[in-house]
Amino acid sequence: MNDSTKSGSKNPLIWEWPLRVWHWLIAICAGTALTTGLVTEWNAMDLHTWAGMSVVALLAFRLLWGIVGGTYSRFKHYFTTPQKVFRHFTGNAPAEAHTAPGIALVVCLMVALTVQAVAGLLTTDDVFIEGPLVQFASDEVVEFATDLHHNAWWFVIGLIGVHLSAHIVYGGIFRSPTPLSMFSGRKHVPVAPTEFSLLRAILCYAVAVVVLLVLLYYSR
């Protein structure tokens, strides 16, 4: 099932609605987790924990969707090389669903988010705050995860900054419609529209909900 236009469209559907919903959910949850973690004056660590666990659940969805999701959401479309990145910036890259630098940025951001969020599950301040998985880890692992969680956010912030800056440049300077793609899901490229299964989307989101519920159970 898909909500695409015919394969001959000049603006085929590339990012299906399950992926677009995921994109905005993880943007909201990651933004909330970062803000509540850094602005300590707000004293919102409960919200920080909830947002962090939600990020983990959403990453679980993206892992599954990268295997069984829409055509261009699958991991086989997220491989690139330095040569392809160079060709993109020299204007010699073919028009494809994903650009080479876009792929590189997405992969780096997903890795950084995963490291930051999973480390948070094992983080403690030894007084008030304890991640839901601290009880299952050794003191050495918890200490390492806590240090990692308190420092890896720099990489997440930096990559988000690059992501937003790229959209400003492409949308504001080059007048490209690409920055609006996570609203419409469409892109001006000569490829067939994506195909995806509604049932698989529901099942993948169900797994994400289960992951969140498990984490909430162990965070009590």
N, C-alpha and C. Protein backbone atom coordinates (compact mmCIF):
# COMPACT_ATOMS: atom_id res chain seq x y z
N MET A 1 0.85 -1.21 0.00
CA MET A 1 0.00 0.00 0.00
C MET A 1 0.87 1.24 0.00
N ASN A 2 0.47 2.27 -0.76
CA ASN A 2 1.21 3.52 -0.72
C ASN A 2 0.30 4.68 -1.09
N ASP A 3 0.76 5.89 -0.79
CA ASP A 3 -0.01 7.08 -1.12
C ASP A 3 0.70 7.87 -2.20
N SER A 4 1.38 7.15 -3.09
CA SER A 4 2.17 7.79 -4.14
C SER A 4 1.34 8.08 -5.36
N THR A 5 1.92 8.85 -6.24
CA THR A 5 1.32 9.11 -7.54
C THR A 5 1.86 8.08 -8.51
N LYS A 6 1.48 8.21 -9.75
CA LYS A 6 1.96 7.26 -10.76
C LYS A 6 3.46 7.37 -10.92
N SER A 7 4.06 6.26 -11.38
CA SER A 7 5.52 6.20 -11.47
C SER A 7 6.09 7.23 -12.43
N GLY A 8 5.24 7.80 -13.31
CA GLY A 8 5.73 8.78 -14.26
C GLY A 8 5.74 10.20 -13.71
N SER A 9 5.35 10.38 -12.48
CA SER A 9 5.30 11.72 -11.89
C SER A 9 6.68 12.34 -11.82
N LYS A 10 6.71 13.68 -12.01
CA LYS A 10 7.98 14.40 -11.88
C LYS A 10 8.38 14.57 -10.42
N ASN A 11 7.41 14.43 -9.53
CA ASN A 11 7.66 14.55 -8.09
C ASN A 11 7.14 13.31 -7.37
N PRO A 12 7.81 12.18 -7.55
CA PRO A 12 7.31 10.94 -6.95
C PRO A 12 7.44 10.96 -5.44
N LEU A 13 6.62 10.16 -4.78
CA LEU A 13 6.70 10.01 -3.34
C LEU A 13 7.96 9.23 -2.99
N ILE A 14 8.82 9.82 -2.19
CA ILE A 14 10.06 9.17 -1.76
C ILE A 14 9.97 8.76 -0.29
N TRP A 15 9.45 9.67 0.53
CA TRP A 15 9.36 9.40 1.97
C TRP A 15 7.89 9.18 2.33
N GLU A 16 7.53 7.92 2.59
CA GLU A 16 6.16 7.55 2.91
C GLU A 16 5.74 8.09 4.29
N TRP A 17 4.44 8.14 4.54
CA TRP A 17 3.96 8.78 5.77
C TRP A 17 4.47 8.12 7.05
N PRO A 18 4.65 6.78 7.14
CA PRO A 18 5.19 6.24 8.40
C PRO A 18 6.58 6.80 8.73
N LEU A 19 7.39 7.01 7.71
CA LEU A 19 8.72 7.57 7.94
C LEU A 19 8.63 9.05 8.29
N ARG A 20 7.72 9.77 7.64
CA ARG A 20 7.58 11.20 7.94
C ARG A 20 7.07 11.41 9.36
N VAL A 21 6.13 10.58 9.80
CA VAL A 21 5.65 10.66 11.18
C VAL A 21 6.79 10.38 12.14
N TRP A 22 7.58 9.35 11.82
CA TRP A 22 8.74 9.01 12.66
C TRP A 22 9.71 10.18 12.74
N HIS A 23 9.97 10.82 11.62
CA HIS A 23 10.91 11.93 11.56
C HIS A 23 10.50 13.04 12.53
N TRP A 24 9.23 13.43 12.51
CA TRP A 24 8.79 14.52 13.37
C TRP A 24 8.70 14.09 14.83
N LEU A 25 8.34 12.84 15.08
CA LEU A 25 8.29 12.35 16.46
C LEU A 25 9.69 12.33 17.08
N ILE A 26 10.67 11.83 16.33
CA ILE A 26 12.01 11.75 16.91
C ILE A 26 12.62 13.15 17.03
N ALA A 27 12.26 14.06 16.14
CA ALA A 27 12.74 15.45 16.26
C ALA A 27 12.20 16.08 17.55
N ILE A 28 10.92 15.84 17.83
CA ILE A 28 10.30 16.39 19.04
C ILE A 28 10.90 15.76 20.29
N CYS A 29 11.01 14.43 20.29
CA CYS A 29 11.51 13.73 21.47
C CYS A 29 12.98 14.01 21.73
N ALA A 30 13.79 14.01 20.68
CA ALA A 30 15.21 14.30 20.85
C ALA A 30 15.41 15.75 21.28
N GLY A 31 14.65 16.65 20.69
CA GLY A 31 14.74 18.06 21.09
C GLY A 31 14.35 18.27 22.53
N THR A 32 13.30 17.57 22.97
CA THR A 32 12.86 17.67 24.35
C THR A 32 13.91 17.11 25.30
N ALA A 33 14.47 15.97 24.94
CA ALA A 33 15.48 15.33 25.79
C ALA A 33 16.72 16.22 25.92
N LEU A 34 17.16 16.79 24.81
CA LEU A 34 18.34 17.65 24.85
C LEU A 34 18.07 18.92 25.67
N THR A 35 16.92 19.53 25.44
CA THR A 35 16.61 20.78 26.14
C THR A 35 16.48 20.56 27.65
N THR A 36 15.72 19.54 28.04
CA THR A 36 15.52 19.29 29.47
C THR A 36 16.78 18.78 30.15
N GLY A 37 17.68 18.18 29.39
CA GLY A 37 18.93 17.71 29.97
C GLY A 37 19.95 18.81 30.14
N LEU A 38 19.91 19.80 29.25
CA LEU A 38 20.91 20.87 29.29
C LEU A 38 20.46 22.07 30.11
N VAL A 39 19.17 22.36 30.11
CA VAL A 39 18.65 23.48 30.90
C VAL A 39 18.24 22.94 32.27
N THR A 40 19.21 22.75 33.13
CA THR A 40 18.96 22.12 34.42
C THR A 40 18.07 22.96 35.34
N GLU A 41 17.99 24.26 35.06
CA GLU A 41 17.14 25.14 35.88
C GLU A 41 15.68 24.76 35.79
N TRP A 42 15.31 24.05 34.73
CA TRP A 42 13.92 23.67 34.56
C TRP A 42 13.51 22.53 35.50
N ASN A 43 14.51 21.79 35.99
CA ASN A 43 14.24 20.69 36.91
C ASN A 43 13.20 19.73 36.32
N ALA A 44 13.45 19.31 35.08
CA ALA A 44 12.49 18.48 34.36
C ALA A 44 13.09 17.13 33.98
N MET A 45 13.74 16.48 34.94
CA MET A 45 14.42 15.23 34.62
C MET A 45 13.44 14.09 34.33
N ASP A 46 12.24 14.15 34.91
CA ASP A 46 11.25 13.12 34.57
C ASP A 46 10.88 13.20 33.09
N LEU A 47 10.66 14.43 32.63
CA LEU A 47 10.36 14.63 31.21
C LEU A 47 11.56 14.24 30.35
N HIS A 48 12.76 14.56 30.82
CA HIS A 48 13.98 14.18 30.12
C HIS A 48 14.06 12.67 29.95
N THR A 49 13.75 11.94 31.02
CA THR A 49 13.81 10.48 30.97
C THR A 49 12.77 9.92 30.01
N TRP A 50 11.56 10.44 30.10
CA TRP A 50 10.50 10.00 29.19
C TRP A 50 10.89 10.25 27.73
N ALA A 51 11.40 11.44 27.46
CA ALA A 51 11.78 11.78 26.08
C ALA A 51 12.91 10.88 25.60
N GLY A 52 13.89 10.62 26.47
CA GLY A 52 15.01 9.76 26.09
C GLY A 52 14.56 8.34 25.78
N MET A 53 13.66 7.81 26.61
CA MET A 53 13.16 6.46 26.35
C MET A 53 12.33 6.42 25.07
N SER A 54 11.62 7.50 24.79
CA SER A 54 10.85 7.58 23.55
C SER A 54 11.77 7.57 22.33
N VAL A 55 12.93 8.23 22.45
CA VAL A 55 13.91 8.21 21.37
C VAL A 55 14.39 6.78 21.11
N VAL A 56 14.65 6.04 22.17
CA VAL A 56 15.08 4.65 22.02
C VAL A 56 14.00 3.84 21.31
N ALA A 57 12.75 4.02 21.71
CA ALA A 57 11.64 3.30 21.08
C ALA A 57 11.51 3.65 19.60
N LEU A 58 11.67 4.93 19.29
CA LEU A 58 11.59 5.36 17.89
C LEU A 58 12.76 4.85 17.07
N LEU A 59 13.92 4.74 17.68
CA LEU A 59 15.07 4.15 16.98
C LEU A 59 14.83 2.67 16.70
N ALA A 60 14.11 2.01 17.59
CA ALA A 60 13.74 0.61 17.35
C ALA A 60 12.84 0.51 16.13
N PHE A 61 11.89 1.44 16.03
CA PHE A 61 11.03 1.47 14.84
C PHE A 61 11.87 1.66 13.58
N ARG A 62 12.80 2.62 13.62
CA ARG A 62 13.59 2.92 12.41
C ARG A 62 14.47 1.74 12.01
N LEU A 63 14.94 1.00 13.00
CA LEU A 63 15.74 -0.19 12.71
C LEU A 63 14.90 -1.20 11.93
N LEU A 64 13.69 -1.44 12.41
CA LEU A 64 12.81 -2.38 11.72
C LEU A 64 12.37 -1.84 10.36
N TRP A 65 12.06 -0.53 10.31
CA TRP A 65 11.59 0.06 9.06
C TRP A 65 12.70 0.10 8.01
N GLY A 66 13.93 0.10 8.46
CA GLY A 66 15.05 0.04 7.54
C GLY A 66 15.19 -1.33 6.89
N ILE A 67 14.49 -2.30 7.43
CA ILE A 67 14.53 -3.67 6.89
C ILE A 67 13.28 -3.99 6.09
N VAL A 68 12.10 -3.60 6.61
CA VAL A 68 10.84 -3.98 5.98
C VAL A 68 10.02 -2.78 5.52
N GLY A 69 10.58 -1.58 5.58
CA GLY A 69 9.82 -0.37 5.29
C GLY A 69 9.69 -0.05 3.82
N GLY A 70 9.41 1.22 3.55
CA GLY A 70 9.24 1.68 2.18
C GLY A 70 10.51 1.52 1.36
N THR A 71 10.33 1.58 0.06
CA THR A 71 11.44 1.32 -0.87
C THR A 71 12.71 2.07 -0.52
N TYR A 72 12.61 3.37 -0.35
CA TYR A 72 13.82 4.19 -0.14
C TYR A 72 14.15 4.39 1.34
N SER A 73 13.34 3.79 2.22
CA SER A 73 13.64 3.83 3.66
C SER A 73 14.56 2.69 4.07
N ARG A 74 14.70 1.71 3.22
CA ARG A 74 15.48 0.52 3.57
C ARG A 74 16.98 0.82 3.54
N PHE A 75 17.71 0.12 4.39
CA PHE A 75 19.12 0.41 4.59
C PHE A 75 19.95 0.24 3.32
N LYS A 76 19.49 -0.57 2.38
CA LYS A 76 20.27 -0.77 1.16
C LYS A 76 20.36 0.51 0.33
N HIS A 77 19.51 1.48 0.63
CA HIS A 77 19.56 2.76 -0.06
C HIS A 77 20.35 3.80 0.73
N TYR A 78 20.99 3.38 1.82
CA TYR A 78 21.74 4.30 2.66
C TYR A 78 23.23 3.98 2.68
N PHE A 79 23.74 3.61 1.52
CA PHE A 79 25.17 3.37 1.38
C PHE A 79 25.77 4.44 0.48
N THR A 80 26.89 5.00 0.92
CA THR A 80 27.56 6.00 0.10
C THR A 80 29.06 5.89 0.29
N THR A 81 29.80 6.67 -0.45
CA THR A 81 31.26 6.68 -0.38
C THR A 81 31.75 8.13 -0.44
N PRO A 82 32.98 8.38 -0.01
CA PRO A 82 33.53 9.74 -0.13
C PRO A 82 33.53 10.24 -1.56
N GLN A 83 33.75 9.32 -2.51
CA GLN A 83 33.75 9.71 -3.92
C GLN A 83 32.37 10.23 -4.35
N LYS A 84 31.32 9.55 -3.88
CA LYS A 84 29.97 9.99 -4.22
C LYS A 84 29.64 11.34 -3.59
N VAL A 85 30.12 11.54 -2.37
CA VAL A 85 29.91 12.84 -1.71
C VAL A 85 30.61 13.94 -2.51
N PHE A 86 31.83 13.67 -2.94
CA PHE A 86 32.60 14.65 -3.72
C PHE A 86 31.89 14.95 -5.04
N ARG A 87 31.39 13.92 -5.71
CA ARG A 87 30.69 14.13 -6.98
C ARG A 87 29.44 14.97 -6.78
N HIS A 88 28.79 14.81 -5.64
CA HIS A 88 27.59 15.61 -5.37
C HIS A 88 27.92 17.10 -5.31
N PHE A 89 28.98 17.43 -4.60
CA PHE A 89 29.34 18.84 -4.43
C PHE A 89 29.99 19.44 -5.67
N THR A 90 30.42 18.60 -6.60
CA THR A 90 30.96 19.12 -7.86
C THR A 90 29.90 19.13 -8.96
N GLY A 91 28.69 18.70 -8.61
CA GLY A 91 27.59 18.72 -9.56
C GLY A 91 27.59 17.59 -10.55
N ASN A 92 28.34 16.53 -10.26
CA ASN A 92 28.43 15.40 -11.19
C ASN A 92 27.69 14.16 -10.71
N ALA A 93 26.89 14.29 -9.67
CA ALA A 93 26.18 13.13 -9.14
C ALA A 93 24.84 12.95 -9.86
N PRO A 94 24.45 11.71 -10.14
CA PRO A 94 23.14 11.47 -10.76
C PRO A 94 22.01 11.79 -9.79
N ALA A 95 20.86 12.12 -10.33
CA ALA A 95 19.70 12.41 -9.49
C ALA A 95 19.15 11.11 -8.92
N GLU A 96 19.15 10.99 -7.60
CA GLU A 96 18.67 9.78 -6.93
C GLU A 96 17.75 10.17 -5.78
N ALA A 97 17.13 9.17 -5.18
CA ALA A 97 16.21 9.43 -4.07
C ALA A 97 16.91 10.14 -2.92
N HIS A 98 18.12 9.69 -2.59
CA HIS A 98 18.90 10.29 -1.51
C HIS A 98 20.22 10.83 -2.06
N THR A 99 20.66 11.97 -1.58
CA THR A 99 21.97 12.49 -1.96
C THR A 99 23.04 11.83 -1.10
N ALA A 100 24.25 11.77 -1.61
CA ALA A 100 25.36 11.14 -0.88
C ALA A 100 25.64 11.83 0.45
N PRO A 101 25.76 13.18 0.50
CA PRO A 101 26.00 13.82 1.80
C PRO A 101 24.81 13.67 2.74
N GLY A 102 23.60 13.61 2.17
CA GLY A 102 22.42 13.40 3.00
C GLY A 102 22.45 12.05 3.67
N ILE A 103 22.87 11.03 2.93
CA ILE A 103 23.00 9.69 3.48
C ILE A 103 24.03 9.68 4.61
N ALA A 104 25.18 10.28 4.35
CA ALA A 104 26.25 10.31 5.35
C ALA A 104 25.79 11.00 6.63
N LEU A 105 25.07 12.11 6.48
CA LEU A 105 24.60 12.85 7.64
C LEU A 105 23.57 12.05 8.43
N VAL A 106 22.64 11.42 7.73
CA VAL A 106 21.60 10.63 8.40
C VAL A 106 22.22 9.48 9.18
N VAL A 107 23.16 8.77 8.57
CA VAL A 107 23.81 7.65 9.24
C VAL A 107 24.54 8.13 10.50
N CYS A 108 25.30 9.20 10.37
CA CYS A 108 26.04 9.73 11.53
C CYS A 108 25.09 10.18 12.63
N LEU A 109 24.00 10.84 12.26
CA LEU A 109 23.06 11.34 13.25
C LEU A 109 22.35 10.19 13.96
N MET A 110 21.98 9.15 13.22
CA MET A 110 21.33 8.00 13.84
C MET A 110 22.27 7.28 14.81
N VAL A 111 23.53 7.16 14.43
CA VAL A 111 24.51 6.53 15.31
C VAL A 111 24.69 7.37 16.58
N ALA A 112 24.82 8.69 16.40
CA ALA A 112 25.01 9.57 17.56
C ALA A 112 23.80 9.54 18.48
N LEU A 113 22.60 9.57 17.92
CA LEU A 113 21.39 9.49 18.73
C LEU A 113 21.30 8.16 19.48
N THR A 114 21.66 7.09 18.79
CA THR A 114 21.62 5.77 19.43
C THR A 114 22.58 5.70 20.60
N VAL A 115 23.80 6.16 20.40
CA VAL A 115 24.79 6.15 21.48
C VAL A 115 24.32 6.98 22.65
N GLN A 116 23.84 8.19 22.37
CA GLN A 116 23.40 9.10 23.43
C GLN A 116 22.19 8.54 24.19
N ALA A 117 21.20 8.03 23.46
CA ALA A 117 19.97 7.56 24.09
C ALA A 117 20.19 6.25 24.87
N VAL A 118 20.91 5.31 24.27
CA VAL A 118 21.15 4.04 24.95
C VAL A 118 22.03 4.24 26.18
N ALA A 119 23.02 5.12 26.08
CA ALA A 119 23.86 5.44 27.24
C ALA A 119 23.00 6.02 28.36
N GLY A 120 21.97 6.79 27.99
CA GLY A 120 21.09 7.36 28.99
C GLY A 120 20.34 6.32 29.79
N LEU A 121 20.06 5.18 29.17
CA LEU A 121 19.37 4.10 29.88
C LEU A 121 20.23 3.51 30.98
N LEU A 122 21.54 3.75 30.91
CA LEU A 122 22.49 3.18 31.87
C LEU A 122 23.16 4.26 32.71
N THR A 123 22.56 5.45 32.73
CA THR A 123 23.16 6.59 33.41
C THR A 123 22.55 6.79 34.80
N THR A 124 23.38 7.18 35.76
CA THR A 124 22.90 7.49 37.09
C THR A 124 23.74 8.61 37.71
N ASP A 125 23.10 9.35 38.62
CA ASP A 125 23.86 10.35 39.39
C ASP A 125 24.10 9.86 40.81
N ASP A 126 23.75 8.59 41.06
CA ASP A 126 23.95 7.94 42.36
C ASP A 126 23.11 8.55 43.48
N VAL A 127 22.18 9.44 43.13
CA VAL A 127 21.33 10.06 44.16
C VAL A 127 19.86 9.98 43.77
N PHE A 128 19.47 10.76 42.75
CA PHE A 128 18.06 10.86 42.39
C PHE A 128 17.73 10.21 41.05
N ILE A 129 18.66 10.26 40.12
CA ILE A 129 18.38 9.84 38.74
C ILE A 129 19.05 8.51 38.45
N GLU A 130 18.27 7.61 37.87
CA GLU A 130 18.81 6.31 37.50
C GLU A 130 18.09 5.80 36.26
N GLY A 131 18.86 5.49 35.21
CA GLY A 131 18.28 4.96 33.99
C GLY A 131 17.64 3.60 34.23
N PRO A 132 16.68 3.22 33.41
CA PRO A 132 15.94 1.97 33.63
C PRO A 132 16.77 0.70 33.54
N LEU A 133 17.92 0.77 32.89
CA LEU A 133 18.73 -0.44 32.73
C LEU A 133 19.95 -0.48 33.65
N VAL A 134 20.08 0.52 34.53
CA VAL A 134 21.22 0.56 35.46
C VAL A 134 21.26 -0.69 36.32
N GLN A 135 20.09 -1.17 36.74
CA GLN A 135 20.02 -2.33 37.62
C GLN A 135 20.56 -3.61 37.00
N PHE A 136 20.70 -3.63 35.69
CA PHE A 136 21.16 -4.83 35.01
C PHE A 136 22.64 -4.78 34.61
N ALA A 137 23.30 -3.67 34.89
CA ALA A 137 24.68 -3.47 34.43
C ALA A 137 25.65 -3.39 35.61
N SER A 138 26.90 -3.67 35.30
CA SER A 138 27.95 -3.57 36.32
C SER A 138 28.27 -2.11 36.60
N ASP A 139 28.95 -1.86 37.70
CA ASP A 139 29.33 -0.49 38.04
C ASP A 139 30.23 0.12 36.98
N GLU A 140 31.09 -0.70 36.39
CA GLU A 140 32.02 -0.20 35.37
C GLU A 140 31.25 0.25 34.13
N VAL A 141 30.28 -0.55 33.73
CA VAL A 141 29.48 -0.22 32.55
C VAL A 141 28.66 1.04 32.80
N VAL A 142 28.07 1.14 33.98
CA VAL A 142 27.26 2.31 34.33
C VAL A 142 28.13 3.57 34.36
N GLU A 143 29.32 3.47 34.92
CA GLU A 143 30.21 4.62 34.96
C GLU A 143 30.60 5.07 33.56
N PHE A 144 30.91 4.10 32.70
CA PHE A 144 31.28 4.43 31.32
C PHE A 144 30.10 5.06 30.58
N ALA A 145 28.90 4.47 30.74
CA ALA A 145 27.72 4.98 30.06
C ALA A 145 27.36 6.38 30.54
N THR A 146 27.52 6.61 31.84
CA THR A 146 27.22 7.93 32.40
C THR A 146 28.14 8.99 31.82
N ASP A 147 29.44 8.69 31.76
CA ASP A 147 30.40 9.64 31.17
C ASP A 147 30.07 9.88 29.69
N LEU A 148 29.73 8.81 29.00
CA LEU A 148 29.41 8.93 27.58
C LEU A 148 28.17 9.79 27.38
N HIS A 149 27.14 9.56 28.19
CA HIS A 149 25.89 10.31 28.07
C HIS A 149 26.09 11.79 28.36
N HIS A 150 27.03 12.11 29.23
CA HIS A 150 27.29 13.50 29.60
C HIS A 150 28.18 14.23 28.60
N ASN A 151 28.68 13.50 27.61
CA ASN A 151 29.58 14.14 26.64
C ASN A 151 29.16 13.95 25.18
N ALA A 152 28.47 12.86 24.86
CA ALA A 152 28.14 12.56 23.46
C ALA A 152 27.11 13.52 22.88
N TRP A 153 26.39 14.25 23.75
CA TRP A 153 25.37 15.16 23.23
C TRP A 153 25.97 16.24 22.35
N TRP A 154 27.24 16.56 22.52
CA TRP A 154 27.90 17.53 21.65
C TRP A 154 27.81 17.11 20.19
N PHE A 155 28.02 15.81 19.94
CA PHE A 155 27.97 15.31 18.57
C PHE A 155 26.55 15.39 18.02
N VAL A 156 25.56 15.07 18.85
CA VAL A 156 24.17 15.15 18.42
C VAL A 156 23.80 16.58 18.04
N ILE A 157 24.14 17.53 18.93
CA ILE A 157 23.86 18.94 18.66
C ILE A 157 24.56 19.41 17.38
N GLY A 158 25.81 19.01 17.22
CA GLY A 158 26.57 19.42 16.04
C GLY A 158 25.96 18.91 14.75
N LEU A 159 25.55 17.64 14.75
CA LEU A 159 24.97 17.03 13.55
C LEU A 159 23.59 17.63 13.25
N ILE A 160 22.81 17.90 14.30
CA ILE A 160 21.53 18.57 14.08
C ILE A 160 21.75 19.95 13.48
N GLY A 161 22.78 20.65 13.96
CA GLY A 161 23.12 21.96 13.42
C GLY A 161 23.47 21.89 11.94
N VAL A 162 24.24 20.89 11.56
CA VAL A 162 24.59 20.71 10.15
C VAL A 162 23.33 20.43 9.32
N HIS A 163 22.48 19.57 9.85
CA HIS A 163 21.23 19.20 9.18
C HIS A 163 20.36 20.43 8.92
N LEU A 164 20.16 21.24 9.95
CA LEU A 164 19.33 22.43 9.81
C LEU A 164 19.99 23.48 8.90
N SER A 165 21.30 23.61 9.02
CA SER A 165 22.03 24.57 8.17
C SER A 165 21.92 24.20 6.70
N ALA A 166 22.00 22.90 6.41
CA ALA A 166 21.88 22.44 5.03
C ALA A 166 20.51 22.79 4.46
N HIS A 167 19.47 22.63 5.28
CA HIS A 167 18.12 22.97 4.81
C HIS A 167 17.99 24.47 4.57
N ILE A 168 18.62 25.26 5.42
CA ILE A 168 18.57 26.72 5.23
C ILE A 168 19.27 27.11 3.94
N VAL A 169 20.44 26.51 3.68
CA VAL A 169 21.19 26.81 2.46
C VAL A 169 20.41 26.37 1.22
N TYR A 170 19.93 25.13 1.23
CA TYR A 170 19.23 24.62 0.04
C TYR A 170 17.90 25.35 -0.18
N GLY A 171 17.17 25.61 0.91
CA GLY A 171 15.88 26.26 0.76
C GLY A 171 15.98 27.76 0.56
N GLY A 172 16.87 28.40 1.35
CA GLY A 172 16.95 29.85 1.29
C GLY A 172 17.79 30.39 0.18
N ILE A 173 18.89 29.71 -0.16
CA ILE A 173 19.81 30.21 -1.18
C ILE A 173 19.54 29.60 -2.55
N PHE A 174 19.41 28.26 -2.58
CA PHE A 174 19.22 27.58 -3.86
C PHE A 174 17.76 27.39 -4.23
N ARG A 175 16.86 27.82 -3.34
CA ARG A 175 15.42 27.73 -3.59
C ARG A 175 14.98 26.31 -3.92
N SER A 176 15.60 25.34 -3.27
CA SER A 176 15.25 23.95 -3.49
C SER A 176 14.04 23.58 -2.64
N PRO A 177 13.10 22.78 -3.18
CA PRO A 177 11.94 22.35 -2.39
C PRO A 177 12.25 21.19 -1.45
N THR A 178 13.49 20.69 -1.50
CA THR A 178 13.86 19.53 -0.68
C THR A 178 13.61 19.72 0.81
N PRO A 179 13.88 20.91 1.39
CA PRO A 179 13.61 21.07 2.83
C PRO A 179 12.16 20.83 3.23
N LEU A 180 11.24 20.90 2.27
CA LEU A 180 9.83 20.66 2.57
C LEU A 180 9.44 19.20 2.37
N SER A 181 10.41 18.36 2.03
CA SER A 181 10.11 16.97 1.68
C SER A 181 9.53 16.17 2.83
N MET A 182 9.87 16.52 4.09
CA MET A 182 9.32 15.77 5.20
C MET A 182 7.89 16.20 5.54
N PHE A 183 7.37 17.16 4.79
CA PHE A 183 5.95 17.48 4.87
C PHE A 183 5.20 16.78 3.73
N SER A 184 5.72 16.91 2.52
CA SER A 184 5.05 16.34 1.35
C SER A 184 5.48 14.91 1.06
N GLY A 185 6.73 14.58 1.39
CA GLY A 185 7.26 13.26 1.08
C GLY A 185 7.76 13.13 -0.35
N ARG A 186 7.65 14.20 -1.12
CA ARG A 186 7.98 14.12 -2.54
C ARG A 186 9.29 14.83 -2.88
N LYS A 187 9.88 14.40 -3.99
CA LYS A 187 11.14 14.98 -4.43
C LYS A 187 11.19 14.92 -5.95
N HIS A 188 11.79 15.93 -6.55
CA HIS A 188 11.88 16.01 -8.01
C HIS A 188 13.06 15.18 -8.50
N VAL A 189 12.85 13.89 -8.64
CA VAL A 189 13.88 12.96 -9.13
C VAL A 189 13.22 11.94 -10.05
N PRO A 190 13.95 11.47 -11.06
CA PRO A 190 13.38 10.51 -12.01
C PRO A 190 13.45 9.06 -11.51
N VAL A 191 12.72 8.78 -10.44
CA VAL A 191 12.68 7.42 -9.91
C VAL A 191 11.24 7.01 -9.70
N ALA A 192 11.02 5.72 -9.53
CA ALA A 192 9.67 5.22 -9.25
C ALA A 192 9.27 5.59 -7.83
N PRO A 193 8.00 5.83 -7.58
CA PRO A 193 7.57 6.17 -6.23
C PRO A 193 7.77 5.01 -5.26
N THR A 194 7.92 5.34 -4.01
CA THR A 194 8.12 4.32 -2.99
C THR A 194 6.88 3.45 -2.82
N GLU A 195 7.09 2.25 -2.35
CA GLU A 195 6.01 1.35 -2.01
C GLU A 195 6.22 0.86 -0.59
N PHE A 196 5.14 0.74 0.16
CA PHE A 196 5.27 0.28 1.54
C PHE A 196 3.99 -0.41 1.97
N SER A 197 4.08 -1.13 3.08
CA SER A 197 2.96 -1.89 3.61
C SER A 197 2.41 -1.22 4.86
N LEU A 198 1.12 -0.93 4.87
CA LEU A 198 0.48 -0.34 6.04
C LEU A 198 0.56 -1.30 7.23
N LEU A 199 0.34 -2.57 6.97
CA LEU A 199 0.40 -3.56 8.05
C LEU A 199 1.77 -3.59 8.69
N ARG A 200 2.81 -3.56 7.88
CA ARG A 200 4.17 -3.56 8.43
C ARG A 200 4.44 -2.29 9.24
N ALA A 201 3.91 -1.17 8.77
CA ALA A 201 4.08 0.08 9.51
C ALA A 201 3.43 -0.02 10.89
N ILE A 202 2.22 -0.55 10.93
CA ILE A 202 1.51 -0.71 12.21
C ILE A 202 2.28 -1.64 13.14
N LEU A 203 2.80 -2.74 12.61
CA LEU A 203 3.54 -3.70 13.42
C LEU A 203 4.84 -3.10 13.95
N CYS A 204 5.52 -2.33 13.11
CA CYS A 204 6.78 -1.71 13.54
C CYS A 204 6.53 -0.67 14.63
N TYR A 205 5.45 0.10 14.47
CA TYR A 205 5.12 1.06 15.52
C TYR A 205 4.67 0.36 16.79
N ALA A 206 4.02 -0.79 16.64
CA ALA A 206 3.61 -1.57 17.81
C ALA A 206 4.83 -2.05 18.59
N VAL A 207 5.87 -2.47 17.88
CA VAL A 207 7.11 -2.89 18.54
C VAL A 207 7.72 -1.71 19.30
N ALA A 208 7.70 -0.53 18.68
CA ALA A 208 8.24 0.67 19.35
C ALA A 208 7.48 0.97 20.63
N VAL A 209 6.16 0.81 20.61
CA VAL A 209 5.35 1.03 21.81
C VAL A 209 5.71 0.02 22.89
N VAL A 210 5.90 -1.23 22.50
CA VAL A 210 6.29 -2.26 23.46
C VAL A 210 7.64 -1.93 24.09
N VAL A 211 8.59 -1.50 23.27
CA VAL A 211 9.91 -1.11 23.80
C VAL A 211 9.75 0.00 24.82
N LEU A 212 8.95 0.99 24.52
CA LEU A 212 8.73 2.11 25.45
C LEU A 212 8.08 1.63 26.74
N LEU A 213 7.10 0.76 26.64
CA LEU A 213 6.42 0.26 27.83
C LEU A 213 7.36 -0.55 28.71
N VAL A 214 8.23 -1.33 28.11
CA VAL A 214 9.20 -2.11 28.87
C VAL A 214 10.16 -1.18 29.62
N LEU A 215 10.63 -0.17 28.94
CA LEU A 215 11.54 0.79 29.58
C LEU A 215 10.84 1.55 30.70
N LEU A 216 9.58 1.91 30.47
CA LEU A 216 8.83 2.59 31.53
C LEU A 216 8.64 1.68 32.74
N TYR A 217 8.42 0.42 32.49
CA TYR A 217 8.24 -0.54 33.59
C TYR A 217 9.51 -0.60 34.46
N TYR A 218 10.65 -0.69 33.81
CA TYR A 218 11.90 -0.81 34.57
C TYR A 218 12.40 0.52 35.13
N SER A 219 11.76 1.62 34.69
CA SER A 219 12.17 2.92 35.24
C SER A 219 11.41 3.28 36.51
N ARG A 220 10.44 2.45 36.89
CA ARG A 220 9.64 2.75 38.09
C ARG A 220 10.46 2.59 39.37
